[in-house]
Amino acid sequence: MTKDMFDTILERAECTARDDGGSELPEGKTLTLYLSRDGASLQVGRVIEVKLDSGIVEAVNNKGELFIMALEDLFAASVSGGSKSSKGRKAGFLG
């Protein structure tokens, strides 16, 4: 992943910049990061804080766990939560 793409993800997730150079997701939103290296893949879910420094990404999830990864190993991200949540019926339920 390029730095520009990483910055776009943070922008689309509506992250807020911190004084230490990191970013926080707004209340109720989380990020899932998708990584791959030499055929092995990894998902880091429920991320609420991220920081990029010299090609190294630090991600903290909602349990306080710290994940450290190379930016070059990231290939995608998804944003969950926010104000546009659907309160409609769940699949498989009628009525």
Protein backbone atom coordinates (compact mmCIF):
# COMPACT_ATOMS: atom_id res chain seq x y z
CA MET A 1 0.00 0.00 0.00
CA THR A 2 1.20 3.50 -0.71
CA LYS A 3 1.22 6.32 1.81
CA ASP A 4 -1.34 8.17 -0.35
CA MET A 5 -3.73 5.22 -0.17
CA PHE A 6 -3.20 4.92 3.60
CA ASP A 7 -3.95 8.65 3.99
CA THR A 8 -7.10 8.24 1.89
CA ILE A 9 -8.29 5.44 4.18
CA LEU A 10 -7.79 7.65 7.25
CA GLU A 11 -9.63 10.50 5.54
CA ARG A 12 -12.58 8.30 4.51
CA ALA A 13 -12.75 6.86 8.04
CA GLU A 14 -12.97 10.46 9.35
CA CYS A 15 -9.95 10.00 11.63
CA THR A 16 -8.77 12.80 13.90
CA ALA A 17 -5.07 13.63 14.07
CA ARG A 18 -3.34 13.42 17.46
CA ASP A 19 -0.34 15.41 18.70
CA ASP A 20 1.94 12.35 18.51
CA GLY A 21 1.35 11.93 14.76
CA GLY A 22 -1.21 9.17 15.16
CA SER A 23 -4.90 9.20 14.28
CA GLU A 24 -8.06 8.15 16.10
CA LEU A 25 -11.27 6.91 14.59
CA PRO A 26 -14.50 8.60 15.69
CA GLU A 27 -16.61 7.01 18.41
CA GLY A 28 -18.48 4.01 17.04
CA LYS A 29 -16.24 3.45 14.00
CA THR A 30 -13.57 0.79 13.64
CA LEU A 31 -11.11 -0.13 10.94
CA THR A 32 -10.12 -3.58 9.68
CA LEU A 33 -6.68 -3.79 8.06
CA TYR A 34 -5.86 -6.57 5.58
CA LEU A 35 -2.26 -7.71 5.19
CA SER A 36 -0.47 -10.27 3.08
CA ARG A 37 3.15 -11.42 2.92
CA ASP A 38 4.59 -14.39 1.02
CA GLY A 39 1.21 -16.07 0.69
CA ALA A 40 0.20 -15.65 4.34
CA SER A 41 -2.64 -13.28 5.18
CA LEU A 42 -3.75 -11.52 8.34
CA GLN A 43 -6.68 -9.35 9.36
CA VAL A 44 -6.37 -6.81 12.15
CA GLY A 45 -9.88 -5.88 13.22
CA ARG A 46 -11.63 -3.35 15.41
CA VAL A 47 -8.79 -0.85 15.11
CA ILE A 48 -9.50 2.49 16.81
CA GLU A 49 -6.04 4.14 16.62
CA VAL A 50 -3.36 4.09 13.92
CA LYS A 51 0.04 5.67 13.43
CA LEU A 52 2.36 5.60 10.41
CA ASP A 53 6.06 6.36 10.86
CA SER A 54 8.79 5.52 8.33
CA GLY A 55 6.75 2.78 6.66
CA ILE A 56 5.76 1.14 9.95
CA VAL A 57 2.09 1.08 10.92
CA GLU A 58 1.07 0.79 14.56
CA ALA A 59 -2.57 -0.14 15.12
CA VAL A 60 -4.42 -0.38 18.44
CA ASN A 61 -7.71 -2.24 18.62
CA ASN A 62 -10.63 -1.68 20.98
CA LYS A 63 -9.11 -4.16 23.47
CA GLY A 64 -5.91 -2.12 23.69
CA GLU A 65 -3.83 -4.67 21.75
CA LEU A 66 -0.98 -3.17 19.71
CA PHE A 67 -0.20 -4.50 16.24
CA ILE A 68 2.92 -3.42 14.35
CA MET A 69 3.16 -4.04 10.60
CA ALA A 70 4.89 -2.83 7.45
CA LEU A 71 2.91 -0.45 5.25
CA GLU A 72 4.06 -2.43 2.20
CA ASP A 73 2.22 -5.52 3.55
CA LEU A 74 -1.15 -3.74 3.75
CA PHE A 75 -3.36 -4.10 0.71
CA ALA A 76 -6.87 -3.09 1.86
CA ALA A 77 -8.96 -1.73 4.70
CA SER A 78 -12.64 -1.55 5.63
CA VAL A 79 -14.45 0.91 7.86
CA SER A 80 -17.30 -0.27 10.09
CA GLY A 81 -19.82 1.70 12.07
CA GLY A 82 -20.82 5.31 11.88
CA SER A 83 -24.02 7.23 11.42
CA LYS A 84 -25.32 5.48 8.31
CA SER A 85 -26.18 2.22 10.06
CA SER A 86 -29.19 0.31 8.86
CA LYS A 87 -31.73 -0.59 11.48
CA GLY A 88 -33.76 -2.66 9.04
CA ARG A 89 -34.47 -6.35 9.11
CA LYS A 90 -31.64 -8.84 9.26
CA ALA A 91 -31.31 -11.37 6.48
CA GLY A 92 -33.36 -14.50 7.07
CA PHE A 93 -35.96 -12.86 9.30
CA LEU A 94 -39.42 -11.89 8.13
CA GLY A 95 -41.69 -9.33 9.73
